[in-house]
N, C-alpha and C. Protein backbone atom coordinates (compact mmCIF):
# COMPACT_ATOMS: atom_id res chain seq x y z
N GLN A 1 135.07 126.51 132.30
CA GLN A 1 134.01 126.95 133.18
C GLN A 1 132.66 126.58 132.59
N ILE A 2 131.80 125.98 133.41
CA ILE A 2 130.49 125.58 132.93
C ILE A 2 129.57 126.80 132.84
N GLN A 3 128.53 126.68 132.01
CA GLN A 3 127.66 127.81 131.72
C GLN A 3 126.64 128.10 132.80
N ASP A 4 126.23 127.07 133.57
CA ASP A 4 125.09 127.24 134.45
C ASP A 4 125.15 126.18 135.55
N ASP A 5 124.58 126.47 136.70
CA ASP A 5 124.52 125.50 137.80
C ASP A 5 123.42 124.47 137.60
N ARG A 6 122.48 124.72 136.71
CA ARG A 6 121.32 123.83 136.53
C ARG A 6 121.61 122.82 135.43
N ILE A 7 122.22 121.72 135.83
CA ILE A 7 122.60 120.65 134.90
C ILE A 7 121.58 119.53 135.03
N MET A 8 120.98 119.14 133.89
CA MET A 8 119.94 118.12 133.88
C MET A 8 120.44 116.76 133.45
N SER A 9 121.54 116.69 132.70
CA SER A 9 122.01 115.41 132.20
C SER A 9 123.50 115.47 131.89
N LEU A 10 124.12 114.29 131.97
CA LEU A 10 125.55 114.16 131.67
C LEU A 10 125.79 112.88 130.87
N TYR A 11 126.80 112.92 130.01
CA TYR A 11 127.26 111.72 129.31
C TYR A 11 128.77 111.86 129.12
N TYR A 12 129.52 110.79 129.39
CA TYR A 12 130.97 110.85 129.24
C TYR A 12 131.43 109.80 128.25
N LYS A 13 132.20 110.23 127.27
CA LYS A 13 132.90 109.34 126.35
C LYS A 13 134.27 109.98 126.13
N GLU A 14 135.28 109.32 126.65
CA GLU A 14 136.62 109.88 126.65
C GLU A 14 137.02 110.44 125.30
N PRO A 15 137.53 111.64 125.23
CA PRO A 15 137.88 112.55 126.32
C PRO A 15 136.80 113.62 126.57
N HIS A 16 135.56 113.36 126.12
CA HIS A 16 134.54 114.40 126.19
C HIS A 16 133.48 114.15 127.25
N LEU A 17 133.14 115.22 127.95
CA LEU A 17 132.00 115.24 128.85
C LEU A 17 130.93 116.08 128.18
N TRP A 18 129.77 115.46 127.97
CA TRP A 18 128.63 116.15 127.38
C TRP A 18 127.74 116.60 128.54
N ILE A 19 127.40 117.89 128.57
CA ILE A 19 126.62 118.46 129.66
C ILE A 19 125.31 119.00 129.08
N GLY A 20 124.20 118.55 129.65
CA GLY A 20 122.88 119.05 129.24
C GLY A 20 122.36 120.01 130.29
N TYR A 21 122.14 121.23 129.87
CA TYR A 21 121.70 122.29 130.79
C TYR A 21 120.19 122.46 130.79
N HIS A 22 119.70 123.06 131.85
CA HIS A 22 118.28 123.35 131.98
C HIS A 22 117.82 124.38 130.94
N ILE A 23 118.62 125.42 130.70
CA ILE A 23 118.21 126.44 129.74
C ILE A 23 119.32 126.89 128.78
N HIS A 24 120.48 126.24 128.81
CA HIS A 24 121.59 126.66 127.95
C HIS A 24 122.02 125.63 126.92
N GLY A 25 121.20 124.63 126.67
CA GLY A 25 121.52 123.67 125.63
C GLY A 25 122.52 122.61 126.05
N LEU A 26 123.26 122.13 125.07
CA LEU A 26 124.22 121.04 125.25
C LEU A 26 125.63 121.59 125.07
N GLU A 27 126.55 121.10 125.90
CA GLU A 27 127.94 121.52 125.78
C GLU A 27 128.82 120.28 125.76
N LYS A 28 129.77 120.26 124.83
CA LYS A 28 130.75 119.18 124.71
C LYS A 28 132.09 119.74 125.21
N VAL A 29 132.60 119.14 126.30
CA VAL A 29 133.83 119.63 126.92
C VAL A 29 134.91 118.57 126.79
N ASN A 30 136.04 118.94 126.21
CA ASN A 30 137.20 118.06 126.17
C ASN A 30 137.88 118.20 127.53
N VAL A 31 137.81 117.16 128.35
CA VAL A 31 138.34 117.26 129.71
C VAL A 31 139.87 117.26 129.75
N THR A 32 140.50 116.92 128.64
CA THR A 32 141.96 116.92 128.57
C THR A 32 142.51 118.32 128.33
N ASN A 33 141.93 119.04 127.36
CA ASN A 33 142.48 120.35 127.01
C ASN A 33 141.53 121.53 127.29
N GLY A 34 140.31 121.25 127.75
CA GLY A 34 139.37 122.32 128.12
C GLY A 34 138.59 122.92 126.96
N GLU A 35 138.82 122.46 125.73
CA GLU A 35 138.08 123.01 124.60
C GLU A 35 136.60 122.65 124.73
N THR A 36 135.74 123.59 124.31
CA THR A 36 134.30 123.36 124.39
C THR A 36 133.64 123.63 123.04
N GLU A 37 132.51 122.95 122.86
CA GLU A 37 131.67 123.20 121.70
C GLU A 37 130.24 123.23 122.21
N ARG A 38 129.49 124.23 121.79
CA ARG A 38 128.12 124.39 122.27
C ARG A 38 127.11 124.06 121.19
N PHE A 39 126.03 123.43 121.65
CA PHE A 39 124.92 123.08 120.78
C PHE A 39 123.66 123.63 121.44
N ASN A 40 123.14 124.72 120.90
CA ASN A 40 121.92 125.31 121.44
C ASN A 40 121.21 126.09 120.34
N SER A 41 120.11 126.73 120.69
CA SER A 41 119.31 127.44 119.68
C SER A 41 120.04 128.64 119.09
N LYS A 42 121.07 129.13 119.75
CA LYS A 42 121.84 130.26 119.21
C LYS A 42 122.93 129.80 118.26
N THR A 43 123.50 128.61 118.50
CA THR A 43 124.60 128.13 117.68
C THR A 43 124.14 127.21 116.54
N HIS A 44 122.96 126.63 116.68
CA HIS A 44 122.43 125.71 115.67
C HIS A 44 120.93 125.99 115.47
N ALA A 45 120.57 126.48 114.32
CA ALA A 45 119.18 126.87 114.05
C ALA A 45 118.20 125.70 114.16
N THR A 46 118.67 124.47 113.99
CA THR A 46 117.76 123.32 114.06
C THR A 46 117.32 123.01 115.49
N ILE A 47 118.06 123.47 116.49
CA ILE A 47 117.71 123.18 117.88
C ILE A 47 116.66 124.17 118.36
N GLU A 48 115.51 123.66 118.78
CA GLU A 48 114.40 124.53 119.16
C GLU A 48 114.17 124.64 120.66
N SER A 49 114.82 123.79 121.44
CA SER A 49 114.70 123.89 122.90
C SER A 49 116.09 123.72 123.52
N ASP A 50 116.41 124.58 124.46
CA ASP A 50 117.70 124.52 125.13
C ASP A 50 117.63 123.80 126.47
N SER A 51 116.53 123.10 126.73
CA SER A 51 116.36 122.33 127.95
C SER A 51 116.66 120.87 127.65
N ILE A 52 117.88 120.42 127.97
CA ILE A 52 118.37 119.09 127.60
C ILE A 52 118.10 118.12 128.74
N SER A 53 117.21 117.17 128.50
CA SER A 53 116.78 116.27 129.57
C SER A 53 117.59 114.97 129.64
N ALA A 54 118.15 114.49 128.54
CA ALA A 54 118.92 113.23 128.56
C ALA A 54 119.91 113.21 127.40
N ILE A 55 121.03 112.50 127.61
CA ILE A 55 122.09 112.38 126.60
C ILE A 55 122.56 110.92 126.59
N ALA A 56 122.78 110.36 125.40
CA ALA A 56 123.30 108.98 125.31
C ALA A 56 123.95 108.76 123.95
N GLN A 57 124.84 107.79 123.90
CA GLN A 57 125.42 107.34 122.64
C GLN A 57 124.35 106.51 121.94
N VAL A 58 123.98 106.86 120.71
CA VAL A 58 122.92 106.12 120.02
C VAL A 58 123.44 105.28 118.86
N SER A 59 124.66 105.55 118.41
CA SER A 59 125.35 104.70 117.43
C SER A 59 126.83 105.00 117.56
N ASP A 60 127.65 104.36 116.73
CA ASP A 60 129.10 104.52 116.87
C ASP A 60 129.56 105.98 116.85
N GLN A 61 128.97 106.78 115.99
CA GLN A 61 129.41 108.17 115.85
C GLN A 61 128.33 109.20 116.15
N LEU A 62 127.21 108.77 116.74
CA LEU A 62 126.13 109.71 117.04
C LEU A 62 125.83 109.77 118.53
N ILE A 63 125.74 111.00 119.02
CA ILE A 63 125.26 111.25 120.37
C ILE A 63 123.81 111.72 120.21
N GLY A 64 122.92 111.14 121.01
CA GLY A 64 121.53 111.57 120.98
C GLY A 64 121.22 112.39 122.22
N PHE A 65 120.28 113.34 122.08
CA PHE A 65 119.83 114.07 123.25
C PHE A 65 118.36 114.43 123.10
N THR A 66 117.68 114.39 124.25
CA THR A 66 116.26 114.73 124.28
C THR A 66 116.11 116.11 124.90
N THR A 67 115.03 116.79 124.50
CA THR A 67 114.75 118.12 125.02
C THR A 67 113.33 118.16 125.55
N PHE A 68 113.10 119.10 126.43
CA PHE A 68 111.75 119.29 126.94
C PHE A 68 111.11 120.40 126.12
N GLY A 69 110.46 119.99 125.03
CA GLY A 69 109.76 120.94 124.18
C GLY A 69 110.26 121.03 122.75
N GLY A 70 111.43 120.47 122.45
CA GLY A 70 111.97 120.60 121.10
C GLY A 70 112.21 119.29 120.40
N GLY A 71 111.86 118.16 121.03
CA GLY A 71 112.02 116.87 120.37
C GLY A 71 113.32 116.17 120.71
N PHE A 72 113.73 115.28 119.80
CA PHE A 72 114.92 114.45 119.92
C PHE A 72 115.91 114.87 118.84
N TYR A 73 117.19 114.87 119.18
CA TYR A 73 118.23 115.28 118.25
C TYR A 73 119.39 114.28 118.28
N THR A 74 120.10 114.22 117.16
CA THR A 74 121.38 113.52 117.14
C THR A 74 122.44 114.52 116.68
N VAL A 75 123.66 114.31 117.18
CA VAL A 75 124.79 115.14 116.75
C VAL A 75 125.93 114.20 116.38
N SER A 76 126.52 114.44 115.22
CA SER A 76 127.66 113.65 114.76
C SER A 76 128.89 114.04 115.56
N GLU A 77 129.55 113.05 116.13
CA GLU A 77 130.78 113.34 116.88
C GLU A 77 131.88 113.88 115.98
N ARG A 78 131.90 113.47 114.73
CA ARG A 78 132.94 113.91 113.79
C ARG A 78 132.69 115.31 113.27
N SER A 79 131.49 115.52 112.70
CA SER A 79 131.23 116.78 112.01
C SER A 79 130.51 117.83 112.85
N GLY A 80 129.86 117.41 113.93
CA GLY A 80 129.07 118.35 114.73
C GLY A 80 127.71 118.64 114.12
N LYS A 81 127.38 117.96 113.02
CA LYS A 81 126.08 118.19 112.38
C LYS A 81 124.95 117.69 113.29
N VAL A 82 123.93 118.53 113.43
CA VAL A 82 122.78 118.22 114.27
C VAL A 82 121.59 117.87 113.40
N ARG A 83 120.89 116.80 113.78
CA ARG A 83 119.66 116.40 113.08
C ARG A 83 118.51 116.39 114.08
N LYS A 84 117.36 116.92 113.65
CA LYS A 84 116.20 117.06 114.51
C LYS A 84 115.11 116.05 114.15
N TYR A 85 114.48 115.49 115.20
CA TYR A 85 113.33 114.61 115.05
C TYR A 85 112.24 115.19 115.94
N GLN A 86 111.14 115.61 115.33
CA GLN A 86 110.07 116.22 116.11
C GLN A 86 108.74 115.58 115.80
N ASN A 87 107.79 115.84 116.69
CA ASN A 87 106.43 115.38 116.50
C ASN A 87 105.83 116.13 115.31
N ARG A 88 105.14 115.36 114.46
CA ARG A 88 104.41 115.96 113.33
C ARG A 88 103.00 115.42 113.38
N SER A 89 102.04 116.28 113.44
CA SER A 89 100.64 115.85 113.58
C SER A 89 100.20 114.97 112.41
N GLU A 90 100.80 115.13 111.25
CA GLU A 90 100.41 114.32 110.09
C GLU A 90 100.99 112.92 110.12
N ASP A 91 101.85 112.63 111.11
CA ASP A 91 102.46 111.31 111.24
C ASP A 91 102.13 110.72 112.61
N PRO A 92 100.98 110.05 112.74
CA PRO A 92 100.57 109.52 114.04
C PRO A 92 101.47 108.40 114.57
N ASP A 93 102.31 107.80 113.71
CA ASP A 93 103.21 106.75 114.16
C ASP A 93 104.60 107.26 114.51
N GLY A 94 104.82 108.57 114.32
CA GLY A 94 106.12 109.15 114.61
C GLY A 94 106.27 109.51 116.07
N LEU A 95 107.26 110.32 116.35
CA LEU A 95 107.57 110.75 117.71
C LEU A 95 106.35 111.33 118.40
N THR A 96 106.12 110.88 119.64
CA THR A 96 105.05 111.45 120.44
C THR A 96 105.41 112.89 120.78
N PRO A 97 104.54 113.64 121.44
CA PRO A 97 104.85 115.06 121.68
C PRO A 97 106.29 115.32 122.11
N ASP A 98 106.77 116.51 121.77
CA ASP A 98 108.17 116.88 121.86
C ASP A 98 108.72 117.09 123.27
N LYS A 99 107.90 116.91 124.28
CA LYS A 99 108.38 117.05 125.65
C LYS A 99 108.92 115.69 126.10
N LEU A 100 110.25 115.56 126.05
CA LEU A 100 110.90 114.27 126.28
C LEU A 100 111.75 114.32 127.55
N PHE A 101 111.80 113.18 128.25
CA PHE A 101 112.49 113.11 129.53
C PHE A 101 113.70 112.18 129.53
N SER A 102 113.61 111.05 128.85
CA SER A 102 114.60 109.99 129.04
C SER A 102 115.07 109.40 127.72
N LEU A 103 116.26 108.80 127.78
CA LEU A 103 116.89 108.23 126.59
C LEU A 103 117.73 107.05 127.06
N TYR A 104 117.57 105.90 126.38
CA TYR A 104 118.32 104.72 126.81
C TYR A 104 118.64 103.84 125.60
N LYS A 105 119.91 103.44 125.47
CA LYS A 105 120.31 102.50 124.43
C LYS A 105 120.44 101.13 125.06
N ALA A 106 119.61 100.20 124.61
CA ALA A 106 119.60 98.84 125.15
C ALA A 106 120.77 98.04 124.57
N ARG A 107 121.02 96.88 125.18
CA ARG A 107 122.12 96.03 124.73
C ARG A 107 121.97 95.58 123.28
N ASP A 108 120.72 95.45 122.81
CA ASP A 108 120.49 95.03 121.43
C ASP A 108 120.58 96.20 120.45
N SER A 109 121.07 97.35 120.92
CA SER A 109 121.26 98.58 120.14
C SER A 109 119.98 99.35 119.86
N LYS A 110 118.84 98.87 120.34
CA LYS A 110 117.63 99.68 120.21
C LYS A 110 117.74 100.88 121.13
N VAL A 111 117.25 102.01 120.67
CA VAL A 111 117.30 103.23 121.47
C VAL A 111 115.87 103.61 121.81
N TYR A 112 115.61 103.80 123.10
CA TYR A 112 114.28 104.13 123.58
C TYR A 112 114.27 105.55 124.11
N ILE A 113 113.17 106.25 123.82
CA ILE A 113 112.99 107.64 124.22
C ILE A 113 111.68 107.73 124.99
N GLY A 114 111.74 108.22 126.21
CA GLY A 114 110.53 108.38 127.02
C GLY A 114 110.11 109.83 127.06
N GLY A 115 108.81 110.03 127.01
CA GLY A 115 108.31 111.39 127.01
C GLY A 115 107.01 111.56 127.75
N ILE A 116 106.44 112.72 127.57
CA ILE A 116 105.22 113.08 128.28
C ILE A 116 104.03 112.23 127.82
N ALA A 117 104.13 111.62 126.67
CA ALA A 117 103.03 110.80 126.14
C ALA A 117 103.55 109.48 125.61
N GLY A 118 104.26 108.72 126.44
CA GLY A 118 104.63 107.38 126.05
C GLY A 118 106.08 107.16 125.73
N LEU A 119 106.30 106.04 125.05
CA LEU A 119 107.63 105.55 124.73
C LEU A 119 107.82 105.55 123.22
N ASN A 120 109.02 105.87 122.78
CA ASN A 120 109.38 105.92 121.37
C ASN A 120 110.62 105.06 121.14
N ALA A 121 110.85 104.70 119.89
CA ALA A 121 112.05 103.96 119.52
C ALA A 121 112.75 104.70 118.38
N TYR A 122 114.08 104.80 118.47
CA TYR A 122 114.88 105.45 117.44
C TYR A 122 115.73 104.39 116.75
N SER A 123 115.77 104.43 115.43
CA SER A 123 116.62 103.54 114.64
C SER A 123 117.63 104.39 113.89
N HIS A 124 118.92 104.24 114.21
CA HIS A 124 119.93 104.99 113.47
C HIS A 124 120.12 104.40 112.08
N ILE A 125 119.73 103.16 111.88
CA ILE A 125 119.83 102.53 110.56
C ILE A 125 118.78 103.12 109.62
N ASP A 126 117.53 103.19 110.09
CA ASP A 126 116.44 103.77 109.28
C ASP A 126 116.37 105.28 109.40
N ASN A 127 117.09 105.83 110.37
CA ASN A 127 117.12 107.26 110.61
C ASN A 127 115.72 107.81 110.89
N GLU A 128 114.99 107.11 111.79
CA GLU A 128 113.65 107.57 112.12
C GLU A 128 113.29 107.24 113.56
N VAL A 129 112.31 107.98 114.06
CA VAL A 129 111.77 107.76 115.39
C VAL A 129 110.31 107.36 115.23
N SER A 130 109.90 106.34 115.98
CA SER A 130 108.50 105.92 115.92
C SER A 130 107.95 105.73 117.33
N ALA A 131 106.67 106.03 117.46
CA ALA A 131 105.99 105.83 118.74
C ALA A 131 105.74 104.35 118.95
N ILE A 132 105.89 103.89 120.17
CA ILE A 132 105.58 102.50 120.49
C ILE A 132 104.10 102.44 120.85
N LYS A 133 103.38 101.66 120.08
CA LYS A 133 101.92 101.57 120.24
C LYS A 133 101.55 100.26 120.92
N ALA A 134 100.48 100.32 121.69
CA ALA A 134 99.95 99.12 122.33
C ALA A 134 99.24 98.26 121.29
N GLU A 135 99.26 96.96 121.52
CA GLU A 135 98.60 96.06 120.59
C GLU A 135 97.28 95.52 121.12
N ASP A 136 96.91 95.92 122.33
CA ASP A 136 95.61 95.54 122.87
C ASP A 136 95.13 96.61 123.85
N ASP A 137 93.85 96.59 124.19
CA ASP A 137 93.29 97.62 125.07
C ASP A 137 93.92 97.62 126.45
N GLU A 138 94.29 96.45 126.95
CA GLU A 138 94.87 96.33 128.28
C GLU A 138 96.20 97.07 128.40
N SER A 139 96.93 97.15 127.31
CA SER A 139 98.24 97.80 127.31
C SER A 139 98.20 99.23 126.78
N ARG A 140 97.04 99.73 126.46
CA ARG A 140 96.91 101.05 125.85
C ARG A 140 97.51 102.17 126.70
N PHE A 141 97.59 101.98 128.02
CA PHE A 141 98.11 103.02 128.89
C PHE A 141 99.55 103.41 128.55
N ILE A 142 100.31 102.53 127.88
CA ILE A 142 101.70 102.85 127.55
C ILE A 142 101.76 104.06 126.61
N GLU A 143 100.70 104.33 125.87
CA GLU A 143 100.69 105.44 124.93
C GLU A 143 100.48 106.79 125.60
N THR A 144 100.05 106.79 126.85
CA THR A 144 99.81 108.05 127.56
C THR A 144 100.64 108.19 128.82
N THR A 145 101.44 107.20 129.13
CA THR A 145 102.27 107.22 130.32
C THR A 145 103.44 108.19 130.15
N GLN A 146 103.72 108.98 131.17
CA GLN A 146 104.87 109.88 131.15
C GLN A 146 106.11 109.08 131.58
N VAL A 147 106.94 108.70 130.62
CA VAL A 147 108.10 107.85 130.88
C VAL A 147 109.30 108.74 131.23
N LEU A 148 109.64 108.74 132.53
CA LEU A 148 110.71 109.60 133.04
C LEU A 148 112.07 108.91 133.07
N ALA A 149 112.07 107.58 133.20
CA ALA A 149 113.33 106.84 133.31
C ALA A 149 113.20 105.49 132.61
N ILE A 150 114.30 105.04 132.02
CA ILE A 150 114.34 103.75 131.30
C ILE A 150 115.63 103.04 131.67
N ARG A 151 115.52 101.78 132.06
CA ARG A 151 116.69 100.94 132.32
C ARG A 151 116.39 99.52 131.89
N GLU A 152 117.42 98.72 131.75
CA GLU A 152 117.30 97.35 131.27
C GLU A 152 117.89 96.39 132.29
N ASP A 153 117.25 95.24 132.47
CA ASP A 153 117.81 94.24 133.39
C ASP A 153 118.61 93.20 132.60
N ALA A 154 119.19 92.23 133.30
CA ALA A 154 120.06 91.23 132.68
C ALA A 154 119.32 90.36 131.67
N SER A 155 118.00 90.25 131.78
CA SER A 155 117.21 89.44 130.84
C SER A 155 116.76 90.23 129.62
N GLY A 156 117.11 91.49 129.52
CA GLY A 156 116.72 92.31 128.38
C GLY A 156 115.36 92.96 128.54
N ASN A 157 114.76 92.87 129.71
CA ASN A 157 113.49 93.54 129.97
C ASN A 157 113.73 95.01 130.28
N LEU A 158 112.82 95.85 129.86
CA LEU A 158 112.93 97.27 130.17
C LEU A 158 112.10 97.59 131.40
N TRP A 159 112.67 98.41 132.27
CA TRP A 159 111.97 98.96 133.42
C TRP A 159 111.72 100.41 133.12
N LEU A 160 110.48 100.83 133.19
CA LEU A 160 110.10 102.20 132.90
C LEU A 160 109.61 102.86 134.18
N GLY A 161 110.20 103.97 134.53
CA GLY A 161 109.73 104.76 135.66
C GLY A 161 108.85 105.86 135.14
N SER A 162 107.65 105.97 135.71
CA SER A 162 106.73 106.96 135.17
C SER A 162 106.17 107.86 136.26
N GLN A 163 105.63 108.97 135.82
CA GLN A 163 105.03 109.91 136.76
C GLN A 163 103.59 109.55 137.08
N ASN A 164 102.89 108.98 136.13
CA ASN A 164 101.46 108.76 136.35
C ASN A 164 101.04 107.29 136.38
N THR A 165 101.98 106.35 136.20
CA THR A 165 101.62 104.94 136.21
C THR A 165 102.51 104.11 137.13
N GLY A 166 103.52 104.71 137.72
CA GLY A 166 104.41 103.98 138.61
C GLY A 166 105.51 103.27 137.85
N LEU A 167 105.89 102.11 138.34
CA LEU A 167 106.95 101.31 137.76
C LEU A 167 106.36 100.29 136.79
N ILE A 168 106.89 100.24 135.60
CA ILE A 168 106.38 99.34 134.56
C ILE A 168 107.50 98.41 134.11
N LEU A 169 107.23 97.13 134.07
CA LEU A 169 108.16 96.14 133.55
C LEU A 169 107.67 95.75 132.17
N TRP A 170 108.48 96.01 131.16
CA TRP A 170 108.14 95.66 129.78
C TRP A 170 108.96 94.44 129.43
N ARG A 171 108.33 93.28 129.47
CA ARG A 171 109.03 92.02 129.29
C ARG A 171 109.45 91.78 127.84
N ASP A 172 110.76 91.87 127.63
CA ASP A 172 111.36 91.53 126.34
C ASP A 172 110.66 92.20 125.16
N GLY A 173 110.15 93.40 125.36
CA GLY A 173 109.55 94.15 124.28
C GLY A 173 108.20 93.62 123.83
N ASP A 174 107.57 92.73 124.58
CA ASP A 174 106.27 92.18 124.21
C ASP A 174 105.18 93.15 124.61
N ARG A 175 104.58 93.80 123.61
CA ARG A 175 103.58 94.83 123.90
C ARG A 175 102.20 94.23 124.20
N ARG A 176 101.98 92.97 123.92
CA ARG A 176 100.66 92.40 124.13
C ARG A 176 100.44 92.00 125.59
N ASN A 177 101.35 91.26 126.15
CA ASN A 177 101.12 90.80 127.51
C ASN A 177 102.33 91.01 128.41
N GLY A 178 103.26 91.82 127.96
CA GLY A 178 104.48 91.98 128.74
C GLY A 178 104.52 93.14 129.67
N LEU A 179 103.48 93.95 129.73
CA LEU A 179 103.50 95.12 130.60
C LEU A 179 102.93 94.79 131.95
N ASN A 180 103.72 95.00 132.97
CA ASN A 180 103.26 94.81 134.34
C ASN A 180 103.43 96.14 135.05
N VAL A 181 102.42 96.57 135.77
CA VAL A 181 102.50 97.79 136.54
C VAL A 181 102.64 97.43 138.00
N PHE A 182 103.60 98.02 138.66
CA PHE A 182 103.83 97.75 140.09
C PHE A 182 103.33 98.91 140.91
């Protein structure tokens, strides 16, 4: 039985369905035998927000999830260990504010995180999250755009759906001249 009718995100990797709830955190359900494991602020002290906005596989053994207000987290599929990545004011190149909406793993294994103040990149190799910064004034809007959705086309370009800038095509990760607003 699921915890709540307000489901914000889903991810499936056999035999588990990962469910992101509006206010009850993350739940891992084994669809074969019904066993569940919960990841929320009551079961894991490192989780600071139970509003799960997106879930995705970020490496072979890590599931990533974004929260609205608590940052970005990874959970080990083997051990269940949760790791937190949050905005720190002393690190201007780190994760933008902790209100995050979207998560996408591109074909080249880069993981992108969209939030209330721009786009971020997660590296499971370096174990860090960094804000994607514009390299010229014309592209500076990417640092303040609310990125709600992220998808990739066959050419490796990212399409960003935003609340305040519309549809953005980020051509092959080129931050200087690759941003087109539609």
